[in-house]
């Protein structure tokens, strides 16, 4: 039980701390509300659950064995995040964006997390630290996948609902533009650690 508590605390801290996914969840909550942001939240949560399960099963070793794959994933992920940041920076208040803007899909949310080498490092670290919690890699993969998926769903919902609360405070279009630009810059800043070697 003590090990399960440790796993829960580790995964909660990992998923609720600020980063690219939490920034997008906040921005989506502000611009679309919680219900319309659910595809993004579900996509990121499912992506992180799959990543954790794959890391526990040893798939992360492919990135170590073939560095070119990791570089290609970094490039594609960086381009995708830059595109999302550009879209976010152009967004005004929800009333002025109309049907032009649309929330991120489940697939978009899953891709957002699967390209991230830091996410692989985090889930691989969890797999190594908590491998004794279960009997064998399959059970460890299921447990870690479940834990990361559930806690990501909770954490991203908290950030998204925070963004939805901001929606009630912001009354002018310039305030929306300024906040969306700030969130877009945070999203761009979240790319830097991906390229900095540990």
Protein backbone atom coordinates (compact mmCIF):
# COMPACT_ATOMS: atom_id res chain seq x y z
CA UNK A 1 0.00 0.00 0.00
CA UNK A 2 2.86 2.35 0.79
CA UNK A 3 4.23 1.81 -2.72
CA UNK A 4 0.81 2.53 -4.23
CA UNK A 5 0.67 5.78 -2.25
CA UNK A 6 4.12 6.68 -3.55
CA UNK A 7 3.05 5.95 -7.12
CA UNK A 8 -0.09 8.05 -6.70
CA UNK A 9 1.88 11.02 -5.35
CA UNK A 10 4.49 10.73 -8.09
CA UNK A 11 1.90 10.59 -10.88
CA UNK A 12 -0.19 13.41 -9.39
CA UNK A 13 2.87 15.66 -9.16
CA UNK A 14 3.93 14.74 -12.69
CA UNK A 15 0.53 15.41 -14.26
CA UNK A 16 -0.58 18.53 -12.39
CA UNK A 17 2.66 20.50 -12.71
CA UNK A 18 2.63 23.27 -15.35
CA UNK A 19 3.72 22.40 -18.87
CA UNK A 20 2.56 22.30 -22.47
CA UNK A 21 -0.45 20.06 -21.83
CA UNK A 22 -1.69 22.06 -18.84
CA UNK A 23 -1.26 25.31 -20.77
CA UNK A 24 -3.38 23.96 -23.61
CA UNK A 25 -6.01 22.66 -21.17
CA UNK A 26 -6.23 26.11 -19.56
CA UNK A 27 -6.48 27.89 -22.91
CA UNK A 28 -9.08 25.43 -24.15
CA UNK A 29 -11.15 25.90 -20.99
CA UNK A 30 -11.02 29.67 -21.47
CA UNK A 31 -11.94 29.60 -25.13
CA UNK A 32 -14.32 26.63 -25.38
CA UNK A 33 -15.43 25.69 -21.88
CA UNK A 34 -14.97 22.35 -20.16
CA UNK A 35 -17.42 20.25 -22.18
CA UNK A 36 -15.96 21.22 -25.58
CA UNK A 37 -12.43 20.72 -24.18
CA UNK A 38 -13.09 17.10 -23.19
CA UNK A 39 -11.67 15.67 -26.46
CA UNK A 40 -8.33 17.42 -25.77
CA UNK A 41 -8.30 16.26 -22.13
CA UNK A 42 -9.23 12.69 -23.07
CA UNK A 43 -6.67 12.60 -25.87
CA UNK A 44 -3.82 13.77 -23.64
CA UNK A 45 -4.90 11.38 -20.86
CA UNK A 46 -5.11 8.40 -23.24
CA UNK A 47 -1.80 9.33 -24.83
CA UNK A 48 -0.09 9.53 -21.45
CA UNK A 49 -1.67 6.24 -20.34
CA UNK A 50 -0.38 4.51 -23.50
CA UNK A 51 3.03 6.10 -23.06
CA UNK A 52 3.28 4.91 -19.44
CA UNK A 53 2.17 1.39 -20.38
CA UNK A 54 4.65 1.27 -23.26
CA UNK A 55 7.47 2.56 -21.05
CA UNK A 56 6.70 -0.16 -18.48
CA UNK A 57 6.76 -2.72 -21.28
CA UNK A 58 10.20 -1.52 -22.40
CA UNK A 59 9.26 0.23 -25.66
CA UNK A 60 11.17 3.39 -24.68
CA UNK A 61 14.37 1.44 -25.37
CA UNK A 62 13.71 1.96 -29.10
CA UNK A 63 14.44 5.68 -28.70
CA UNK A 64 17.72 4.84 -27.01
CA UNK A 65 18.68 2.26 -29.65
CA UNK A 66 17.71 4.44 -32.65
CA UNK A 67 18.31 8.13 -31.83
CA UNK A 68 17.12 9.20 -35.31
CA UNK A 69 13.58 8.18 -34.36
CA UNK A 70 13.73 10.36 -31.25
CA UNK A 71 15.01 13.31 -33.32
CA UNK A 72 12.23 12.89 -35.90
CA UNK A 73 9.62 12.76 -33.15
CA UNK A 74 11.09 15.90 -31.56
CA UNK A 75 10.95 17.80 -34.85
CA UNK A 76 7.39 16.74 -35.65
CA UNK A 77 6.24 17.49 -32.11
CA UNK A 78 7.92 20.89 -32.08
CA UNK A 79 6.27 21.87 -35.37
CA UNK A 80 2.88 20.74 -34.05
CA UNK A 81 3.28 22.75 -30.82
CA UNK A 82 4.40 25.83 -32.76
CA UNK A 83 1.32 25.51 -34.98
CA UNK A 84 -0.92 25.25 -31.88
CA UNK A 85 0.79 28.28 -30.32
CA UNK A 86 0.23 30.30 -33.51
CA UNK A 87 -3.46 29.36 -33.54
CA UNK A 88 -3.79 30.28 -29.86
CA UNK A 89 -2.02 33.63 -30.30
CA UNK A 90 -4.52 34.65 -32.99
CA UNK A 91 -7.53 33.94 -30.80
CA UNK A 92 -9.57 36.74 -29.28
CA UNK A 93 -12.56 36.37 -27.02
CA UNK A 94 -14.88 33.40 -27.70
CA UNK A 95 -17.57 35.80 -28.93
CA UNK A 96 -15.32 37.13 -31.71
CA UNK A 97 -13.82 33.83 -32.84
CA UNK A 98 -17.17 32.28 -33.79
CA UNK A 99 -16.97 29.12 -35.85
CA UNK A 100 -13.43 29.84 -37.06
CA UNK A 101 -11.86 28.34 -33.93
CA UNK A 102 -12.44 24.77 -32.85
CA UNK A 103 -11.17 22.75 -29.90
CA UNK A 104 -8.39 20.18 -30.30
CA UNK A 105 -9.50 16.63 -31.10
CA UNK A 106 -8.78 13.43 -29.16
CA UNK A 107 -6.13 12.48 -31.76
CA UNK A 108 -4.53 15.94 -31.48
CA UNK A 109 -4.38 15.64 -27.70
CA UNK A 110 -2.85 12.17 -27.87
CA UNK A 111 -0.24 13.29 -30.41
CA UNK A 112 0.64 16.25 -28.22
CA UNK A 113 1.84 13.93 -25.48
CA UNK A 114 3.24 11.01 -27.48
CA UNK A 115 5.93 13.05 -29.25
CA UNK A 116 7.39 14.41 -26.00
CA UNK A 117 10.73 12.86 -25.00
CA UNK A 118 10.39 14.37 -21.52
CA UNK A 119 7.13 12.46 -21.14
CA UNK A 120 8.93 9.26 -22.11
CA UNK A 121 11.64 10.02 -19.55
CA UNK A 122 9.03 10.65 -16.84
CA UNK A 123 7.05 7.48 -17.54
CA UNK A 124 10.23 5.42 -17.94
CA UNK A 125 11.41 6.73 -14.57
CA UNK A 126 8.09 5.72 -13.05
CA UNK A 127 8.35 2.27 -14.64
CA UNK A 128 11.84 1.79 -13.21
CA UNK A 129 10.93 3.12 -9.77
CA UNK A 130 7.68 1.23 -9.35
CA UNK A 131 8.36 -2.01 -11.23
CA UNK A 132 8.21 -3.97 -7.96
CA UNK A 133 4.62 -2.88 -7.40
CA UNK A 134 3.26 -5.59 -9.71
CA UNK A 135 4.03 -9.12 -10.83
CA UNK A 136 5.69 -8.72 -14.21
CA UNK A 137 5.85 -6.10 -16.98
CA UNK A 138 2.29 -6.64 -18.24
CA UNK A 139 0.76 -5.95 -14.84
CA UNK A 140 3.13 -3.01 -14.30
CA UNK A 141 2.17 -1.61 -17.71
CA UNK A 142 -1.54 -1.89 -16.88
CA UNK A 143 -1.09 -0.28 -13.46
CA UNK A 144 1.05 2.61 -14.70
CA UNK A 145 -1.18 3.19 -17.72
CA UNK A 146 -4.25 3.32 -15.49
CA UNK A 147 -2.58 5.62 -12.94
CA UNK A 148 -1.21 8.09 -15.49
CA UNK A 149 -4.47 8.12 -17.47
CA UNK A 150 -6.67 8.76 -14.42
CA UNK A 151 -4.44 11.38 -12.82
CA UNK A 152 -3.96 13.19 -16.13
CA UNK A 153 -7.73 13.30 -16.56
CA UNK A 154 -8.10 14.82 -13.09
CA UNK A 155 -5.18 17.27 -13.40
CA UNK A 156 -6.09 18.53 -16.85
CA UNK A 157 -9.70 18.96 -15.75
CA UNK A 158 -8.51 21.18 -12.88
CA UNK A 159 -6.48 23.35 -15.29
CA UNK A 160 -9.32 23.45 -17.82
CA UNK A 161 -11.88 24.47 -15.18
CA UNK A 162 -9.45 27.17 -14.04
CA UNK A 163 -9.42 28.45 -17.59
CA UNK A 164 -13.21 28.37 -17.66
CA UNK A 165 -13.27 30.50 -14.49
CA UNK A 166 -11.01 33.04 -16.21
CA UNK A 167 -13.63 33.25 -18.93
CA UNK A 168 -15.96 34.91 -16.42
CA UNK A 169 -13.34 37.46 -15.36
CA UNK A 170 -12.17 38.58 -18.79
CA UNK A 171 -14.63 41.12 -20.20
CA UNK A 172 -12.76 42.81 -23.05
CA UNK A 173 -11.31 41.47 -26.26
CA UNK A 174 -7.86 42.96 -25.58
CA UNK A 175 -7.72 41.02 -22.29
CA UNK A 176 -8.46 37.80 -24.15
CA UNK A 177 -5.88 38.57 -26.81
CA UNK A 178 -3.22 39.39 -24.20
CA UNK A 179 -3.88 36.22 -22.21
CA UNK A 180 -4.00 34.00 -25.30
CA UNK A 181 -0.68 35.49 -26.49
CA UNK A 182 0.82 34.88 -23.03
CA UNK A 183 -0.39 31.26 -23.07
CA UNK A 184 0.97 30.82 -26.61
CA UNK A 185 4.37 32.08 -25.42
CA UNK A 186 4.24 29.63 -22.50
CA UNK A 187 3.49 26.86 -24.98
CA UNK A 188 6.51 27.86 -27.06
CA UNK A 189 8.63 27.98 -23.88
CA UNK A 190 7.52 24.43 -23.06
CA UNK A 191 9.30 23.29 -26.25
CA UNK A 192 12.75 24.34 -25.01
CA UNK A 193 13.22 21.54 -22.44
CA UNK A 194 12.50 18.99 -25.18
CA UNK A 195 15.71 20.04 -26.95
CA UNK A 196 17.88 20.46 -23.87
CA UNK A 197 19.66 17.23 -23.10
CA UNK A 198 19.44 16.14 -19.43
